[in-house]
Amino acid sequence: MPLLSSSCFVRLVRLVRLVRPVVLHAAVVCGDGRDLQVLHRRDWVTCGRHPEHSPACTVLGLTRGGRAEVVDDPRNAGVRVLRLHCGATDLRLVAPTESSTERALITQLGHRATD
């Protein structure tokens, strides 16, 4: 028997986020049609008010095949997840909905991106 019902769990998560907010960190997107470079935090979304020092740089070769999906983040409102599938690799890039970062990622991914 579960300790909490699903509705109680959802309320508890909302309460925790009021006290300890979720932060979606910024990213810098660059591309030249052949490569996509994203400078970001190791963890895209973190909890708490303390600074996060975990820079990461992801470089993708766009000349290789693969597809990309753009979906809403089920856990965070106003956040989109761009999932890139290329061979055995499954990469997730996170951006605020309708942001310049999301538009830049979709532009660089071109025909691969589907909603």
C-alpha atoms as a PDB file:
ATOM      1  CA  MET A   1       0.000   0.000   0.000  1.00  0.00           C
ATOM      2  CA  PRO A   2       1.505   3.394  -0.986  1.00  0.00           C
ATOM      3  CA  LEU A   3       2.311   5.908   1.731  1.00  0.00           C
ATOM      4  CA  LEU A   4       0.694   8.781  -0.203  1.00  0.00           C
ATOM      5  CA  SER A   5      -2.062   8.859  -2.769  1.00  0.00           C
ATOM      6  CA  SER A   6      -1.159  10.421  -6.121  1.00  0.00           C
ATOM      7  CA  SER A   7      -3.159  13.598  -5.388  1.00  0.00           C
ATOM      8  CA  CYS A   8      -1.418  14.008  -2.004  1.00  0.00           C
ATOM      9  CA  PHE A   9       1.937  13.471  -3.679  1.00  0.00           C
ATOM     10  CA  VAL A  10       1.185  16.182  -6.277  1.00  0.00           C
ATOM     11  CA  ARG A  11       0.203  18.614  -3.509  1.00  0.00           C
ATOM     12  CA  LEU A  12       3.371  17.770  -1.597  1.00  0.00           C
ATOM     13  CA  VAL A  13       5.534  18.415  -4.675  1.00  0.00           C
ATOM     14  CA  ARG A  14       3.836  21.804  -5.191  1.00  0.00           C
ATOM     15  CA  LEU A  15       4.429  22.714  -1.556  1.00  0.00           C
ATOM     16  CA  VAL A  16       8.097  21.739  -1.758  1.00  0.00           C
ATOM     17  CA  ARG A  17       8.524  23.851  -4.901  1.00  0.00           C
ATOM     18  CA  LEU A  18       7.033  26.873  -3.141  1.00  0.00           C
ATOM     19  CA  VAL A  19       9.653  26.570  -0.431  1.00  0.00           C
ATOM     20  CA  ARG A  20      12.445  25.349  -2.702  1.00  0.00           C
ATOM     21  CA  PRO A  21      11.860  26.672  -6.247  1.00  0.00           C
ATOM     22  CA  VAL A  22      12.972  24.987  -9.444  1.00  0.00           C
ATOM     23  CA  VAL A  23      15.453  26.868 -11.636  1.00  0.00           C
ATOM     24  CA  LEU A  24      15.842  26.322 -15.384  1.00  0.00           C
ATOM     25  CA  HIS A  25      19.348  27.494 -16.229  1.00  0.00           C
ATOM     26  CA  ALA A  26      20.218  29.502 -19.323  1.00  0.00           C
ATOM     27  CA  ALA A  27      21.989  28.094 -22.363  1.00  0.00           C
ATOM     28  CA  VAL A  28      23.945  29.609 -25.232  1.00  0.00           C
ATOM     29  CA  VAL A  29      23.245  28.079 -28.658  1.00  0.00           C
ATOM     30  CA  CYS A  30      25.597  28.448 -31.646  1.00  0.00           C
ATOM     31  CA  GLY A  31      25.595  26.719 -34.983  1.00  0.00           C
ATOM     32  CA  ASP A  32      26.913  26.947 -38.510  1.00  0.00           C
ATOM     33  CA  GLY A  33      24.767  24.368 -40.294  1.00  0.00           C
ATOM     34  CA  ARG A  34      27.335  21.601 -39.754  1.00  0.00           C
ATOM     35  CA  ASP A  35      27.673  21.670 -35.973  1.00  0.00           C
ATOM     36  CA  LEU A  36      25.427  22.701 -33.099  1.00  0.00           C
ATOM     37  CA  GLN A  37      27.152  23.877 -29.925  1.00  0.00           C
ATOM     38  CA  VAL A  38      25.260  24.374 -26.687  1.00  0.00           C
ATOM     39  CA  LEU A  39      26.922  25.861 -23.603  1.00  0.00           C
ATOM     40  CA  HIS A  40      24.789  24.941 -20.591  1.00  0.00           C
ATOM     41  CA  ARG A  41      24.756  23.635 -17.035  1.00  0.00           C
ATOM     42  CA  ARG A  42      25.330  19.937 -16.463  1.00  0.00           C
ATOM     43  CA  ASP A  43      21.908  19.756 -14.826  1.00  0.00           C
ATOM     44  CA  TRP A  44      19.393  21.784 -16.830  1.00  0.00           C
ATOM     45  CA  VAL A  45      16.878  22.077 -13.987  1.00  0.00           C
ATOM     46  CA  THR A  46      17.899  22.364 -10.338  1.00  0.00           C
ATOM     47  CA  CYS A  47      16.155  23.013  -7.028  1.00  0.00           C
ATOM     48  CA  GLY A  48      17.077  25.621  -4.479  1.00  0.00           C
ATOM     49  CA  ARG A  49      18.385  29.143  -4.373  1.00  0.00           C
ATOM     50  CA  HIS A  50      22.110  28.417  -4.302  1.00  0.00           C
ATOM     51  CA  PRO A  51      24.313  29.098  -7.357  1.00  0.00           C
ATOM     52  CA  GLU A  52      25.044  26.127  -9.561  1.00  0.00           C
ATOM     53  CA  HIS A  53      28.593  25.828 -10.911  1.00  0.00           C
ATOM     54  CA  SER A  54      28.560  23.014 -13.441  1.00  0.00           C
ATOM     55  CA  PRO A  55      29.268  24.282 -16.957  1.00  0.00           C
ATOM     56  CA  ALA A  56      29.009  21.851 -19.846  1.00  0.00           C
ATOM     57  CA  CYS A  57      29.427  22.136 -23.591  1.00  0.00           C
ATOM     58  CA  THR A  58      27.572  19.836 -25.957  1.00  0.00           C
ATOM     59  CA  VAL A  59      28.670  19.684 -29.605  1.00  0.00           C
ATOM     60  CA  LEU A  60      26.537  17.855 -32.157  1.00  0.00           C
ATOM     61  CA  GLY A  61      27.500  17.097 -35.724  1.00  0.00           C
ATOM     62  CA  LEU A  62      24.405  17.982 -37.749  1.00  0.00           C
ATOM     63  CA  THR A  63      25.635  16.279 -40.905  1.00  0.00           C
ATOM     64  CA  ARG A  64      24.844  12.904 -39.359  1.00  0.00           C
ATOM     65  CA  GLY A  65      21.347  11.516 -39.628  1.00  0.00           C
ATOM     66  CA  GLY A  66      18.877  11.325 -36.800  1.00  0.00           C
ATOM     67  CA  ARG A  67      15.651  12.881 -35.736  1.00  0.00           C
ATOM     68  CA  ALA A  68      14.544  15.306 -33.073  1.00  0.00           C
ATOM     69  CA  GLU A  69      11.320  15.622 -31.110  1.00  0.00           C
ATOM     70  CA  VAL A  70      10.071  18.709 -29.328  1.00  0.00           C
ATOM     71  CA  VAL A  71       7.804  17.898 -26.368  1.00  0.00           C
ATOM     72  CA  ASP A  72       6.487  19.685 -23.287  1.00  0.00           C
ATOM     73  CA  ASP A  73       8.273  18.795 -20.055  1.00  0.00           C
ATOM     74  CA  PRO A  74       5.753  16.788 -18.002  1.00  0.00           C
ATOM     75  CA  ARG A  75       7.255  17.933 -14.675  1.00  0.00           C
ATOM     76  CA  ASN A  76       7.833  21.649 -15.312  1.00  0.00           C
ATOM     77  CA  ALA A  77       5.272  24.034 -16.805  1.00  0.00           C
ATOM     78  CA  GLY A  78       6.572  26.358 -19.522  1.00  0.00           C
ATOM     79  CA  VAL A  79       9.514  24.118 -20.386  1.00  0.00           C
ATOM     80  CA  ARG A  80      10.158  22.255 -23.646  1.00  0.00           C
ATOM     81  CA  VAL A  81      12.454  19.264 -24.090  1.00  0.00           C
ATOM     82  CA  LEU A  82      14.193  18.706 -27.424  1.00  0.00           C
ATOM     83  CA  ARG A  83      15.097  15.041 -27.669  1.00  0.00           C
ATOM     84  CA  LEU A  84      17.707  14.192 -30.266  1.00  0.00           C
ATOM     85  CA  HIS A  85      17.991  10.596 -31.475  1.00  0.00           C
ATOM     86  CA  CYS A  86      21.078   9.649 -33.467  1.00  0.00           C
ATOM     87  CA  GLY A  87      22.017   5.983 -33.480  1.00  0.00           C
ATOM     88  CA  ALA A  88      22.322   4.770 -29.892  1.00  0.00           C
ATOM     89  CA  THR A  89      22.515   8.336 -28.569  1.00  0.00           C
ATOM     90  CA  ASP A  90      19.489   9.968 -26.953  1.00  0.00           C
ATOM     91  CA  LEU A  91      20.274  13.557 -25.967  1.00  0.00           C
ATOM     92  CA  ARG A  92      17.889  15.941 -24.216  1.00  0.00           C
ATOM     93  CA  LEU A  93      18.161  19.722 -24.466  1.00  0.00           C
ATOM     94  CA  VAL A  94      15.870  21.864 -22.313  1.00  0.00           C
ATOM     95  CA  ALA A  95      14.576  25.385 -23.035  1.00  0.00           C
ATOM     96  CA  PRO A  96      11.758  27.674 -21.925  1.00  0.00           C
ATOM     97  CA  THR A  97       8.678  27.481 -24.159  1.00  0.00           C
ATOM     98  CA  GLU A  98       8.662  30.078 -26.980  1.00  0.00           C
ATOM     99  CA  SER A  99      12.126  31.348 -25.959  1.00  0.00           C
ATOM    100  CA  SER A 100      14.935  32.464 -28.248  1.00  0.00           C
ATOM    101  CA  THR A 101      16.862  29.370 -27.113  1.00  0.00           C
ATOM    102  CA  GLU A 102      14.063  27.057 -28.222  1.00  0.00           C
ATOM    103  CA  ARG A 103      13.758  28.864 -31.575  1.00  0.00           C
ATOM    104  CA  ALA A 104      17.540  28.707 -32.128  1.00  0.00           C
ATOM    105  CA  LEU A 105      17.639  24.981 -31.395  1.00  0.00           C
ATOM    106  CA  ILE A 106      14.709  24.254 -33.709  1.00  0.00           C
ATOM    107  CA  THR A 107      16.245  26.430 -36.443  1.00  0.00           C
ATOM    108  CA  GLN A 108      19.585  24.638 -36.198  1.00  0.00           C
ATOM    109  CA  LEU A 109      17.930  21.203 -36.185  1.00  0.00           C
ATOM    110  CA  GLY A 110      15.953  22.102 -39.312  1.00  0.00           C
ATOM    111  CA  HIS A 111      13.863  19.333 -40.795  1.00  0.00           C
ATOM    112  CA  ARG A 112      14.784  16.903 -37.991  1.00  0.00           C
ATOM    113  CA  ALA A 113      12.594  18.687 -35.398  1.00  0.00           C
ATOM    114  CA  THR A 114       8.997  17.504 -35.078  1.00  0.00           C
ATOM    115  CA  ASP A 115       6.305  18.461 -32.583  1.00  0.00           C
END
